[in-house]
Amino acid sequence: MRGIKTVAGGSSRILDPVRDYYTKKVEEHGPVFRGVDWNSAESQELRFEQLLRVCERNKRFSINDYGCGYGGLYRYMKGKGFSFDYHGLDVSGAMIKEARKAFGRRPNASFRVGGSTDVVADYTVASGIFNVRLGHSKTAWLRYILKTVRDMDRVSRLGFSFNCLTRYSDREYMKGYLYYADPCYLFDYCKRRFSKSVALLHDYGLYEFTMVVRK
């Protein structure tokens, strides 16, 4: 898996530790919420609901899922009765193996190992991929986030959304290996660079926020 191309043509070096982190999680817990490092199934689905606010749900659409894990978002969307075509990607081969095992035969789903895609879809979403910084500097990690967000814009016709842990988290609960982003900075970045229609969702009870960019 080394040498996988990531956003903006960069190397996979920054994502190698992240790949190993999530591979260990899914091997330990299996294809459930703990396998992608969430605390509960309820919080995982709450995140999905915020991300999918970018989508126009009354007609069929296509969607890219950056950091798809074992296909949790696909399962959620099917359960909600969405009409969609889905392309999931993840840097962890173990995650993609679980996703293909569960959903690989579905005609509206595809899964592949990677950090970015050239598949252009109506929407692109990313859940949790900006949280686990591990040993990288905050500067390098922010650079990775901005490159990835630009890449999401590139492969999205109608809009994209992503979430991040928030710097407004209670300090006693913040962990050194995680990245807590500045929602105001990212709102301004998206507003100035991508669209006049940007929503910052910071009111759904988790120590994070969701950015929704509509073109």
N, C-alpha and C. Protein backbone atom coordinates (compact mmCIF):
# COMPACT_ATOMS: atom_id res chain seq x y z
N MET A 1 0.81 -1.20 0.00
CA MET A 1 0.00 0.00 0.00
C MET A 1 0.85 1.26 0.00
N ARG A 2 2.10 1.15 0.28
CA ARG A 2 2.93 2.35 0.21
C ARG A 2 3.02 2.82 -1.23
N GLY A 3 3.07 4.17 -1.35
CA GLY A 3 3.09 4.73 -2.69
C GLY A 3 1.72 5.11 -3.20
N ILE A 4 0.66 4.84 -2.41
CA ILE A 4 -0.67 5.29 -2.81
C ILE A 4 -0.65 6.80 -2.94
N LYS A 5 -1.20 7.29 -4.03
CA LYS A 5 -1.25 8.73 -4.21
C LYS A 5 -2.38 9.32 -3.38
N THR A 6 -2.12 10.44 -2.76
CA THR A 6 -3.12 11.12 -1.97
C THR A 6 -3.46 12.44 -2.62
N VAL A 7 -4.08 13.31 -1.89
CA VAL A 7 -4.56 14.57 -2.44
C VAL A 7 -3.41 15.38 -3.01
N ALA A 8 -3.73 16.09 -4.07
CA ALA A 8 -2.81 17.01 -4.71
C ALA A 8 -1.52 16.34 -5.14
N GLY A 9 -1.59 15.02 -5.42
CA GLY A 9 -0.43 14.32 -5.94
C GLY A 9 0.66 14.06 -4.93
N GLY A 10 0.37 14.27 -3.60
CA GLY A 10 1.37 14.05 -2.58
C GLY A 10 1.59 12.58 -2.34
N SER A 11 2.63 12.26 -1.54
CA SER A 11 2.87 10.86 -1.20
C SER A 11 1.94 10.44 -0.09
N SER A 12 1.93 9.15 0.19
CA SER A 12 1.05 8.63 1.24
C SER A 12 1.69 8.71 2.61
N ARG A 13 2.88 9.30 2.73
CA ARG A 13 3.64 9.23 3.98
C ARG A 13 2.85 9.73 5.18
N ILE A 14 2.13 10.81 5.02
CA ILE A 14 1.40 11.37 6.15
C ILE A 14 0.26 10.45 6.59
N LEU A 15 -0.23 9.62 5.66
CA LEU A 15 -1.36 8.75 5.97
C LEU A 15 -0.94 7.33 6.38
N ASP A 16 0.31 7.00 6.26
CA ASP A 16 0.75 5.66 6.64
C ASP A 16 0.43 5.33 8.11
N PRO A 17 0.75 6.21 9.06
CA PRO A 17 0.40 5.90 10.46
C PRO A 17 -1.11 5.84 10.68
N VAL A 18 -1.85 6.68 9.96
CA VAL A 18 -3.30 6.68 10.07
C VAL A 18 -3.88 5.36 9.56
N ARG A 19 -3.35 4.90 8.44
CA ARG A 19 -3.76 3.60 7.90
C ARG A 19 -3.55 2.50 8.92
N ASP A 20 -2.37 2.48 9.55
CA ASP A 20 -2.06 1.45 10.52
C ASP A 20 -2.97 1.55 11.75
N TYR A 21 -3.27 2.77 12.16
CA TYR A 21 -4.13 3.01 13.32
C TYR A 21 -5.52 2.41 13.09
N TYR A 22 -6.12 2.72 11.93
CA TYR A 22 -7.47 2.25 11.66
C TYR A 22 -7.51 0.76 11.30
N THR A 23 -6.45 0.28 10.68
CA THR A 23 -6.38 -1.16 10.42
C THR A 23 -6.41 -1.93 11.73
N LYS A 24 -5.67 -1.46 12.72
CA LYS A 24 -5.67 -2.11 14.03
C LYS A 24 -7.05 -2.06 14.66
N LYS A 25 -7.74 -0.93 14.51
CA LYS A 25 -9.07 -0.78 15.10
C LYS A 25 -10.06 -1.78 14.50
N VAL A 26 -10.10 -1.88 13.18
CA VAL A 26 -11.08 -2.76 12.56
C VAL A 26 -10.72 -4.23 12.79
N GLU A 27 -9.44 -4.54 12.87
CA GLU A 27 -9.04 -5.91 13.17
C GLU A 27 -9.39 -6.29 14.61
N GLU A 28 -9.35 -5.32 15.49
CA GLU A 28 -9.67 -5.58 16.90
C GLU A 28 -11.17 -5.67 17.15
N HIS A 29 -11.94 -4.76 16.54
CA HIS A 29 -13.37 -4.65 16.86
C HIS A 29 -14.29 -5.17 15.77
N GLY A 30 -13.79 -5.29 14.53
CA GLY A 30 -14.64 -5.71 13.43
C GLY A 30 -15.40 -4.55 12.82
N PRO A 31 -16.29 -4.84 11.87
CA PRO A 31 -17.01 -3.79 11.12
C PRO A 31 -18.18 -3.21 11.92
N VAL A 32 -17.86 -2.54 13.00
CA VAL A 32 -18.85 -1.86 13.84
C VAL A 32 -18.29 -0.48 14.18
N PHE A 33 -19.06 0.32 14.89
CA PHE A 33 -18.66 1.70 15.16
C PHE A 33 -17.30 1.79 15.84
N ARG A 34 -16.98 0.88 16.74
CA ARG A 34 -15.66 0.92 17.39
C ARG A 34 -14.54 0.59 16.42
N GLY A 35 -14.87 -0.10 15.35
CA GLY A 35 -13.88 -0.41 14.34
C GLY A 35 -13.41 0.79 13.55
N VAL A 36 -14.16 1.89 13.61
CA VAL A 36 -13.73 3.15 13.01
C VAL A 36 -13.53 4.22 14.08
N ASP A 37 -13.40 3.76 15.34
CA ASP A 37 -12.99 4.60 16.46
C ASP A 37 -14.05 5.59 16.93
N TRP A 38 -15.34 5.23 16.77
CA TRP A 38 -16.40 6.06 17.35
C TRP A 38 -16.86 5.45 18.66
N ASN A 39 -17.46 6.27 19.51
CA ASN A 39 -17.88 5.82 20.83
C ASN A 39 -19.19 5.06 20.83
N SER A 40 -20.04 5.32 19.84
CA SER A 40 -21.34 4.67 19.82
C SER A 40 -21.91 4.67 18.41
N ALA A 41 -22.84 3.76 18.16
CA ALA A 41 -23.53 3.74 16.87
C ALA A 41 -24.38 4.98 16.70
N GLU A 42 -24.94 5.48 17.81
CA GLU A 42 -25.79 6.67 17.75
C GLU A 42 -25.01 7.90 17.31
N SER A 43 -23.80 8.09 17.85
CA SER A 43 -23.00 9.24 17.46
C SER A 43 -22.51 9.11 16.02
N GLN A 44 -22.22 7.90 15.59
CA GLN A 44 -21.82 7.67 14.20
C GLN A 44 -22.95 8.08 13.25
N GLU A 45 -24.17 7.66 13.55
CA GLU A 45 -25.30 8.01 12.69
C GLU A 45 -25.62 9.49 12.74
N LEU A 46 -25.42 10.12 13.90
CA LEU A 46 -25.62 11.56 14.00
C LEU A 46 -24.66 12.30 13.08
N ARG A 47 -23.44 11.82 12.99
CA ARG A 47 -22.47 12.42 12.08
C ARG A 47 -22.91 12.24 10.62
N PHE A 48 -23.39 11.05 10.29
CA PHE A 48 -23.86 10.81 8.93
C PHE A 48 -24.97 11.79 8.56
N GLU A 49 -25.88 12.02 9.49
CA GLU A 49 -27.01 12.91 9.22
C GLU A 49 -26.54 14.33 8.93
N GLN A 50 -25.54 14.80 9.65
CA GLN A 50 -25.01 16.15 9.40
C GLN A 50 -24.34 16.23 8.03
N LEU A 51 -23.52 15.24 7.72
CA LEU A 51 -22.80 15.24 6.44
C LEU A 51 -23.76 15.21 5.26
N LEU A 52 -24.83 14.46 5.39
CA LEU A 52 -25.76 14.28 4.27
C LEU A 52 -26.69 15.46 4.08
N ARG A 53 -26.57 16.47 4.90
CA ARG A 53 -27.34 17.69 4.69
C ARG A 53 -26.95 18.38 3.38
N VAL A 54 -25.78 18.04 2.88
CA VAL A 54 -25.34 18.64 1.61
C VAL A 54 -26.14 18.10 0.43
N CYS A 55 -26.76 16.94 0.57
CA CYS A 55 -27.40 16.25 -0.55
C CYS A 55 -28.84 16.70 -0.76
N GLU A 56 -29.24 16.76 -2.01
CA GLU A 56 -30.64 16.94 -2.38
C GLU A 56 -31.25 15.55 -2.47
N ARG A 57 -32.10 15.20 -1.53
CA ARG A 57 -32.49 13.82 -1.32
C ARG A 57 -33.71 13.39 -2.13
N ASN A 58 -34.36 14.29 -2.81
CA ASN A 58 -35.60 13.92 -3.51
C ASN A 58 -35.36 13.37 -4.90
N LYS A 59 -34.08 13.14 -5.26
CA LYS A 59 -33.76 12.52 -6.53
C LYS A 59 -32.46 11.73 -6.39
N ARG A 60 -32.21 10.85 -7.34
CA ARG A 60 -31.01 10.02 -7.29
C ARG A 60 -29.76 10.88 -7.43
N PHE A 61 -28.73 10.53 -6.70
CA PHE A 61 -27.48 11.27 -6.77
C PHE A 61 -26.31 10.30 -6.63
N SER A 62 -25.12 10.77 -6.98
CA SER A 62 -23.90 9.99 -6.78
C SER A 62 -23.08 10.64 -5.67
N ILE A 63 -22.30 9.80 -4.97
CA ILE A 63 -21.56 10.32 -3.82
C ILE A 63 -20.23 9.59 -3.66
N ASN A 64 -19.19 10.37 -3.38
CA ASN A 64 -17.88 9.84 -2.97
C ASN A 64 -17.79 9.88 -1.46
N ASP A 65 -17.25 8.83 -0.86
CA ASP A 65 -17.09 8.77 0.59
C ASP A 65 -15.61 8.60 0.90
N TYR A 66 -14.94 9.71 1.26
CA TYR A 66 -13.53 9.67 1.64
C TYR A 66 -13.41 9.10 3.05
N GLY A 67 -12.61 8.05 3.20
CA GLY A 67 -12.50 7.39 4.49
C GLY A 67 -13.74 6.58 4.80
N CYS A 68 -14.13 5.73 3.85
CA CYS A 68 -15.41 5.02 3.93
C CYS A 68 -15.43 3.94 5.00
N GLY A 69 -14.24 3.53 5.48
CA GLY A 69 -14.20 2.47 6.47
C GLY A 69 -14.80 1.18 5.95
N TYR A 70 -15.61 0.53 6.76
CA TYR A 70 -16.22 -0.74 6.38
C TYR A 70 -17.55 -0.57 5.65
N GLY A 71 -17.86 0.67 5.25
CA GLY A 71 -19.10 0.93 4.50
C GLY A 71 -20.27 1.34 5.37
N GLY A 72 -20.00 1.93 6.51
CA GLY A 72 -21.06 2.33 7.42
C GLY A 72 -22.03 3.34 6.82
N LEU A 73 -21.50 4.29 6.06
CA LEU A 73 -22.38 5.30 5.44
C LEU A 73 -23.26 4.66 4.38
N TYR A 74 -22.70 3.74 3.62
CA TYR A 74 -23.51 3.04 2.62
C TYR A 74 -24.68 2.34 3.30
N ARG A 75 -24.41 1.61 4.38
CA ARG A 75 -25.48 0.90 5.10
C ARG A 75 -26.53 1.89 5.61
N TYR A 76 -26.08 3.00 6.15
CA TYR A 76 -27.00 4.01 6.68
C TYR A 76 -27.91 4.57 5.59
N MET A 77 -27.33 4.89 4.44
CA MET A 77 -28.11 5.47 3.35
C MET A 77 -29.11 4.47 2.79
N LYS A 78 -28.70 3.22 2.68
CA LYS A 78 -29.64 2.19 2.23
C LYS A 78 -30.80 2.06 3.21
N GLY A 79 -30.49 2.11 4.49
CA GLY A 79 -31.52 1.99 5.49
C GLY A 79 -32.50 3.14 5.49
N LYS A 80 -32.05 4.31 5.06
CA LYS A 80 -32.91 5.49 4.99
C LYS A 80 -33.67 5.59 3.68
N GLY A 81 -33.42 4.66 2.75
CA GLY A 81 -34.16 4.65 1.50
C GLY A 81 -33.66 5.64 0.46
N PHE A 82 -32.43 6.08 0.57
CA PHE A 82 -31.87 6.99 -0.42
C PHE A 82 -31.71 6.27 -1.76
N SER A 83 -31.80 7.03 -2.85
CA SER A 83 -31.52 6.51 -4.19
C SER A 83 -30.19 7.11 -4.62
N PHE A 84 -29.15 6.27 -4.76
CA PHE A 84 -27.81 6.82 -4.93
C PHE A 84 -26.86 5.81 -5.56
N ASP A 85 -25.77 6.34 -6.09
CA ASP A 85 -24.61 5.57 -6.53
C ASP A 85 -23.44 5.98 -5.67
N TYR A 86 -22.72 4.99 -5.16
CA TYR A 86 -21.76 5.22 -4.09
C TYR A 86 -20.37 4.75 -4.48
N HIS A 87 -19.37 5.59 -4.22
CA HIS A 87 -17.97 5.23 -4.42
C HIS A 87 -17.23 5.49 -3.12
N GLY A 88 -16.77 4.42 -2.45
CA GLY A 88 -16.06 4.55 -1.19
C GLY A 88 -14.58 4.30 -1.35
N LEU A 89 -13.77 5.04 -0.62
CA LEU A 89 -12.34 4.81 -0.64
C LEU A 89 -11.78 4.98 0.76
N ASP A 90 -10.72 4.24 1.05
CA ASP A 90 -10.11 4.27 2.37
C ASP A 90 -8.65 3.86 2.24
N VAL A 91 -7.79 4.43 3.06
CA VAL A 91 -6.37 4.09 2.98
C VAL A 91 -6.07 2.73 3.58
N SER A 92 -6.99 2.19 4.36
CA SER A 92 -6.79 0.90 5.00
C SER A 92 -7.35 -0.23 4.14
N GLY A 93 -6.48 -1.11 3.70
CA GLY A 93 -6.94 -2.27 2.93
C GLY A 93 -7.85 -3.17 3.75
N ALA A 94 -7.63 -3.25 5.06
CA ALA A 94 -8.48 -4.07 5.91
C ALA A 94 -9.91 -3.53 5.95
N MET A 95 -10.04 -2.20 5.95
CA MET A 95 -11.36 -1.58 5.91
C MET A 95 -12.07 -1.91 4.60
N ILE A 96 -11.36 -1.76 3.50
CA ILE A 96 -11.97 -2.02 2.19
C ILE A 96 -12.35 -3.49 2.06
N LYS A 97 -11.56 -4.37 2.63
CA LYS A 97 -11.90 -5.79 2.61
C LYS A 97 -13.24 -6.04 3.29
N GLU A 98 -13.46 -5.40 4.45
CA GLU A 98 -14.73 -5.56 5.16
C GLU A 98 -15.88 -4.94 4.36
N ALA A 99 -15.64 -3.80 3.75
CA ALA A 99 -16.69 -3.14 2.96
C ALA A 99 -17.10 -3.99 1.76
N ARG A 100 -16.11 -4.54 1.07
CA ARG A 100 -16.42 -5.38 -0.08
C ARG A 100 -17.12 -6.67 0.34
N LYS A 101 -16.74 -7.20 1.49
CA LYS A 101 -17.39 -8.41 1.98
C LYS A 101 -18.88 -8.17 2.21
N ALA A 102 -19.20 -7.00 2.73
CA ALA A 102 -20.59 -6.69 3.06
C ALA A 102 -21.39 -6.17 1.88
N PHE A 103 -20.77 -5.33 1.04
CA PHE A 103 -21.54 -4.61 0.03
C PHE A 103 -20.95 -4.68 -1.38
N GLY A 104 -19.89 -5.45 -1.55
CA GLY A 104 -19.19 -5.46 -2.82
C GLY A 104 -20.01 -5.93 -4.01
N ARG A 105 -21.06 -6.68 -3.77
CA ARG A 105 -21.90 -7.18 -4.86
C ARG A 105 -23.06 -6.25 -5.18
N ARG A 106 -23.20 -5.17 -4.45
CA ARG A 106 -24.29 -4.24 -4.73
C ARG A 106 -24.00 -3.47 -6.01
N PRO A 107 -24.96 -3.37 -6.93
CA PRO A 107 -24.70 -2.71 -8.21
C PRO A 107 -24.44 -1.21 -8.12
N ASN A 108 -24.85 -0.59 -7.02
CA ASN A 108 -24.66 0.86 -6.90
C ASN A 108 -23.49 1.21 -5.99
N ALA A 109 -22.61 0.24 -5.70
CA ALA A 109 -21.51 0.50 -4.77
C ALA A 109 -20.18 0.03 -5.33
N SER A 110 -19.14 0.80 -5.06
CA SER A 110 -17.77 0.38 -5.36
C SER A 110 -16.87 0.84 -4.22
N PHE A 111 -15.82 0.07 -3.98
CA PHE A 111 -14.89 0.37 -2.89
C PHE A 111 -13.47 0.15 -3.40
N ARG A 112 -12.56 1.05 -3.03
CA ARG A 112 -11.17 0.85 -3.41
C ARG A 112 -10.24 1.46 -2.37
N VAL A 113 -9.03 0.96 -2.33
CA VAL A 113 -8.00 1.48 -1.43
C VAL A 113 -7.41 2.74 -2.04
N GLY A 114 -7.30 3.80 -1.25
CA GLY A 114 -6.69 5.03 -1.72
C GLY A 114 -7.03 6.21 -0.83
N GLY A 115 -6.30 7.29 -1.03
CA GLY A 115 -6.52 8.51 -0.27
C GLY A 115 -7.24 9.58 -1.05
N SER A 116 -7.40 9.40 -2.36
CA SER A 116 -8.13 10.35 -3.20
C SER A 116 -8.66 9.60 -4.40
N THR A 117 -9.47 10.28 -5.18
CA THR A 117 -10.10 9.63 -6.33
C THR A 117 -10.19 10.60 -7.49
N ASP A 118 -10.32 10.05 -8.69
CA ASP A 118 -10.61 10.86 -9.88
C ASP A 118 -12.06 10.71 -10.30
N VAL A 119 -12.85 9.96 -9.52
CA VAL A 119 -14.27 9.78 -9.82
C VAL A 119 -15.01 11.06 -9.42
N VAL A 120 -15.63 11.70 -10.38
CA VAL A 120 -16.40 12.91 -10.12
C VAL A 120 -17.84 12.50 -9.80
N ALA A 121 -18.34 12.95 -8.66
CA ALA A 121 -19.69 12.62 -8.22
C ALA A 121 -20.45 13.91 -7.93
N ASP A 122 -21.75 13.77 -7.71
CA ASP A 122 -22.53 14.95 -7.32
C ASP A 122 -22.03 15.51 -6.00
N TYR A 123 -21.77 14.62 -5.05
CA TYR A 123 -21.34 15.05 -3.72
C TYR A 123 -20.15 14.22 -3.24
N THR A 124 -19.39 14.81 -2.33
CA THR A 124 -18.31 14.10 -1.67
C THR A 124 -18.40 14.39 -0.17
N VAL A 125 -18.24 13.36 0.65
CA VAL A 125 -18.27 13.54 2.10
C VAL A 125 -17.05 12.88 2.71
N ALA A 126 -16.70 13.34 3.91
CA ALA A 126 -15.57 12.76 4.66
C ALA A 126 -15.89 12.83 6.14
N SER A 127 -15.88 11.68 6.79
CA SER A 127 -16.20 11.62 8.21
C SER A 127 -15.03 11.06 9.00
N GLY A 128 -14.47 11.88 9.86
CA GLY A 128 -13.44 11.43 10.79
C GLY A 128 -12.03 11.37 10.26
N ILE A 129 -11.83 11.67 8.98
CA ILE A 129 -10.49 11.47 8.41
C ILE A 129 -9.50 12.54 8.85
N PHE A 130 -9.96 13.62 9.46
CA PHE A 130 -9.06 14.70 9.89
C PHE A 130 -8.78 14.68 11.38
N ASN A 131 -9.19 13.64 12.08
CA ASN A 131 -9.12 13.64 13.54
C ASN A 131 -7.81 13.10 14.09
N VAL A 132 -7.29 12.02 13.51
CA VAL A 132 -6.18 11.29 14.12
C VAL A 132 -4.85 11.78 13.54
N ARG A 133 -4.26 12.75 14.20
CA ARG A 133 -3.02 13.38 13.72
C ARG A 133 -1.80 12.55 14.07
N LEU A 134 -1.85 11.85 15.20
CA LEU A 134 -0.73 11.04 15.68
C LEU A 134 0.52 11.91 15.83
N GLY A 135 1.65 11.54 15.21
CA GLY A 135 2.89 12.26 15.47
C GLY A 135 3.17 13.42 14.54
N HIS A 136 2.28 13.73 13.63
CA HIS A 136 2.52 14.82 12.69
C HIS A 136 2.33 16.18 13.37
N SER A 137 3.06 17.17 12.90
CA SER A 137 2.91 18.51 13.44
C SER A 137 1.54 19.08 13.07
N LYS A 138 1.08 20.03 13.84
CA LYS A 138 -0.20 20.67 13.55
C LYS A 138 -0.16 21.39 12.21
N THR A 139 0.98 21.96 11.88
CA THR A 139 1.11 22.66 10.60
C THR A 139 0.99 21.69 9.43
N ALA A 140 1.69 20.56 9.53
CA ALA A 140 1.63 19.56 8.45
C ALA A 140 0.22 18.99 8.33
N TRP A 141 -0.43 18.79 9.47
CA TRP A 141 -1.77 18.20 9.43
C TRP A 141 -2.78 19.17 8.83
N LEU A 142 -2.68 20.44 9.16
CA LEU A 142 -3.58 21.42 8.55
C LEU A 142 -3.35 21.50 7.05
N ARG A 143 -2.10 21.41 6.64
CA ARG A 143 -1.80 21.40 5.20
C ARG A 143 -2.47 20.21 4.51
N TYR A 144 -2.43 19.06 5.16
CA TYR A 144 -3.10 17.87 4.63
C TYR A 144 -4.62 18.09 4.55
N ILE A 145 -5.20 18.67 5.57
CA ILE A 145 -6.64 18.94 5.55
C ILE A 145 -7.01 19.84 4.38
N LEU A 146 -6.29 20.92 4.21
CA LEU A 146 -6.63 21.88 3.14
C LEU A 146 -6.46 21.25 1.76
N LYS A 147 -5.43 20.44 1.58
CA LYS A 147 -5.25 19.75 0.30
C LYS A 147 -6.40 18.80 0.04
N THR A 148 -6.81 18.09 1.08
CA THR A 148 -7.90 17.14 0.91
C THR A 148 -9.22 17.84 0.61
N VAL A 149 -9.48 18.95 1.27
CA VAL A 149 -10.70 19.71 1.01
C VAL A 149 -10.70 20.24 -0.42
N ARG A 150 -9.57 20.69 -0.89
CA ARG A 150 -9.50 21.14 -2.29
C ARG A 150 -9.76 19.98 -3.24
N ASP A 151 -9.25 18.82 -2.88
CA ASP A 151 -9.48 17.64 -3.71
C ASP A 151 -10.95 17.25 -3.71
N MET A 152 -11.60 17.34 -2.56
CA MET A 152 -13.03 17.04 -2.49
C MET A 152 -13.83 18.00 -3.38
N ASP A 153 -13.44 19.24 -3.37
CA ASP A 153 -14.10 20.21 -4.25
C ASP A 153 -13.93 19.82 -5.71
N ARG A 154 -12.74 19.38 -6.08
CA ARG A 154 -12.43 19.02 -7.46
C ARG A 154 -13.31 17.90 -7.98
N VAL A 155 -13.67 16.95 -7.12
CA VAL A 155 -14.42 15.78 -7.59
C VAL A 155 -15.91 15.86 -7.23
N SER A 156 -16.39 17.06 -6.91
CA SER A 156 -17.79 17.24 -6.52
C SER A 156 -18.49 18.22 -7.45
N ARG A 157 -19.58 17.80 -8.05
CA ARG A 157 -20.35 18.68 -8.94
C ARG A 157 -21.21 19.68 -8.16
N LEU A 158 -21.87 19.19 -7.12
CA LEU A 158 -22.89 19.99 -6.45
C LEU A 158 -22.51 20.43 -5.04
N GLY A 159 -21.58 19.73 -4.42
CA GLY A 159 -21.19 20.13 -3.08
C GLY A 159 -20.43 19.05 -2.34
N PHE A 160 -19.93 19.40 -1.17
CA PHE A 160 -19.21 18.44 -0.34
C PHE A 160 -19.34 18.83 1.13
N SER A 161 -19.03 17.88 2.00
CA SER A 161 -19.10 18.15 3.43
C SER A 161 -18.06 17.31 4.15
N PHE A 162 -17.63 17.79 5.31
CA PHE A 162 -16.64 17.07 6.11
C PHE A 162 -16.80 17.49 7.57
N ASN A 163 -16.28 16.66 8.47
CA ASN A 163 -16.31 17.03 9.88
C ASN A 163 -14.92 17.02 10.47
N CYS A 164 -14.78 17.74 11.58
CA CYS A 164 -13.51 17.84 12.31
C CYS A 164 -13.82 17.95 13.80
N LEU A 165 -12.93 17.46 14.62
CA LEU A 165 -12.99 17.79 16.03
C LEU A 165 -12.79 19.29 16.20
N THR A 166 -13.42 19.88 17.21
CA THR A 166 -13.37 21.33 17.35
C THR A 166 -12.38 21.80 18.41
N ARG A 167 -11.75 22.91 18.14
CA ARG A 167 -10.83 23.50 19.11
C ARG A 167 -11.57 24.04 20.32
N TYR A 168 -12.90 24.12 20.24
CA TYR A 168 -13.72 24.57 21.37
C TYR A 168 -14.08 23.41 22.32
N SER A 169 -13.45 22.28 22.14
CA SER A 169 -13.65 21.16 23.06
C SER A 169 -13.15 21.52 24.47
N ASP A 170 -13.73 20.90 25.48
CA ASP A 170 -13.25 21.10 26.85
C ASP A 170 -11.81 20.60 26.95
N ARG A 171 -10.95 21.44 27.47
CA ARG A 171 -9.52 21.14 27.45
C ARG A 171 -9.18 19.83 28.17
N GLU A 172 -9.90 19.53 29.25
CA GLU A 172 -9.56 18.32 30.01
C GLU A 172 -9.85 17.03 29.26
N TYR A 173 -10.64 17.14 28.18
CA TYR A 173 -10.97 15.96 27.39
C TYR A 173 -10.17 15.86 26.09
N MET A 174 -9.36 16.86 25.79
CA MET A 174 -8.61 16.87 24.54
C MET A 174 -7.40 15.93 24.66
N LYS A 175 -7.10 15.23 23.56
CA LYS A 175 -6.01 14.26 23.54
C LYS A 175 -4.92 14.70 22.57
N GLY A 176 -3.68 14.47 22.95
CA GLY A 176 -2.56 14.99 22.19
C GLY A 176 -2.39 14.41 20.80
N TYR A 177 -2.88 13.21 20.56
CA TYR A 177 -2.69 12.58 19.26
C TYR A 177 -3.81 12.93 18.26
N LEU A 178 -4.79 13.68 18.75
CA LEU A 178 -5.89 14.11 17.88
C LEU A 178 -5.70 15.55 17.43
N TYR A 179 -6.43 15.93 16.38
CA TYR A 179 -6.34 17.29 15.86
C TYR A 179 -7.67 18.00 16.06
N TYR A 180 -7.60 19.16 16.70
CA TYR A 180 -8.79 19.97 16.98
C TYR A 180 -8.74 21.22 16.11
N ALA A 181 -9.59 21.25 15.12
CA ALA A 181 -9.54 22.30 14.09
C ALA A 181 -10.26 23.56 14.54
N ASP A 182 -9.90 24.65 13.91
CA ASP A 182 -10.55 25.94 14.12
C ASP A 182 -11.72 26.06 13.14
N PRO A 183 -12.96 25.94 13.59
CA PRO A 183 -14.09 25.99 12.66
C PRO A 183 -14.22 27.32 11.94
N CYS A 184 -13.85 28.41 12.61
CA CYS A 184 -13.96 29.73 11.97
C CYS A 184 -12.97 29.86 10.81
N TYR A 185 -11.76 29.35 11.03
CA TYR A 185 -10.76 29.39 9.95
C TYR A 185 -11.22 28.58 8.74
N LEU A 186 -11.73 27.37 8.98
CA LEU A 186 -12.14 26.53 7.86
C LEU A 186 -13.40 27.06 7.18
N PHE A 187 -14.28 27.68 7.94
CA PHE A 187 -15.45 28.32 7.33
C PHE A 187 -15.00 29.43 6.39
N ASP A 188 -14.10 30.27 6.85
CA ASP A 188 -13.59 31.37 6.03
C ASP A 188 -12.88 30.83 4.79
N TYR A 189 -12.09 29.77 4.97
CA TYR A 189 -11.36 29.18 3.85
C TYR A 189 -12.33 28.68 2.79
N CYS A 190 -13.36 27.95 3.21
CA CYS A 190 -14.33 27.41 2.26
C CYS A 190 -15.18 28.51 1.62
N LYS A 191 -15.53 29.50 2.40
CA LYS A 191 -16.36 30.60 1.90
C LYS A 191 -15.62 31.40 0.83
N ARG A 192 -14.37 31.68 1.07
CA ARG A 192 -13.59 32.48 0.14
C ARG A 192 -13.15 31.69 -1.09
N ARG A 193 -12.91 30.40 -0.92
CA ARG A 193 -12.31 29.63 -2.01
C ARG A 193 -13.31 28.86 -2.86
N PHE A 194 -14.40 28.36 -2.26
CA PHE A 194 -15.23 27.40 -2.98
C PHE A 194 -16.64 27.88 -3.32
N SER A 195 -17.30 28.57 -2.41
CA SER A 195 -18.71 28.87 -2.64
C SER A 195 -19.20 29.97 -1.70
N LYS A 196 -20.25 30.67 -2.12
CA LYS A 196 -20.92 31.61 -1.23
C LYS A 196 -21.88 30.89 -0.28
N SER A 197 -22.20 29.64 -0.61
CA SER A 197 -23.16 28.87 0.19
C SER A 197 -22.42 27.84 1.03
N VAL A 198 -22.07 28.25 2.24
CA VAL A 198 -21.34 27.39 3.17
C VAL A 198 -22.05 27.42 4.52
N ALA A 199 -22.26 26.27 5.10
CA ALA A 199 -22.88 26.17 6.42
C ALA A 199 -21.92 25.53 7.40
N LEU A 200 -21.79 26.12 8.57
CA LEU A 200 -21.00 25.56 9.66
C LEU A 200 -21.98 25.02 10.71
N LEU A 201 -22.00 23.71 10.88
CA LEU A 201 -22.90 23.06 11.84
C LEU A 201 -22.11 22.73 13.10
N HIS A 202 -22.45 23.36 14.19
CA HIS A 202 -21.68 23.20 15.43
C HIS A 202 -22.64 23.07 16.62
N ASP A 203 -23.80 22.48 16.37
CA ASP A 203 -24.85 22.51 17.38
C ASP A 203 -25.53 21.16 17.59
N TYR A 204 -24.82 20.06 17.31
CA TYR A 204 -25.47 18.75 17.38
C TYR A 204 -24.93 17.86 18.50
N GLY A 205 -24.31 18.49 19.50
CA GLY A 205 -24.04 17.79 20.74
C GLY A 205 -22.77 16.98 20.82
N LEU A 206 -21.90 17.06 19.81
CA LEU A 206 -20.62 16.36 19.84
C LEU A 206 -19.49 17.38 19.85
N TYR A 207 -18.30 16.95 20.25
CA TYR A 207 -17.15 17.86 20.30
C TYR A 207 -16.52 17.99 18.92
N GLU A 208 -17.32 18.42 17.98
CA GLU A 208 -16.88 18.53 16.60
C GLU A 208 -17.81 19.47 15.85
N PHE A 209 -17.50 19.69 14.59
CA PHE A 209 -18.38 20.47 13.71
C PHE A 209 -18.38 19.84 12.34
N THR A 210 -19.37 20.20 11.55
CA THR A 210 -19.48 19.74 10.16
C THR A 210 -19.55 20.97 9.26
N MET A 211 -18.77 20.94 8.20
CA MET A 211 -18.78 21.99 7.19
C MET A 211 -19.53 21.48 5.97
N VAL A 212 -20.50 22.25 5.50
CA VAL A 212 -21.29 21.89 4.34
C VAL A 212 -21.11 22.96 3.28
N VAL A 213 -20.61 22.56 2.12
CA VAL A 213 -20.34 23.48 1.02
C VAL A 213 -21.22 23.10 -0.17
N ARG A 214 -22.10 24.02 -0.55
CA ARG A 214 -22.97 23.80 -1.71
C ARG A 214 -22.52 24.71 -2.84
N LYS A 215 -22.39 24.15 -4.02
CA LYS A 215 -21.93 24.94 -5.17
C LYS A 215 -23.09 25.61 -5.87
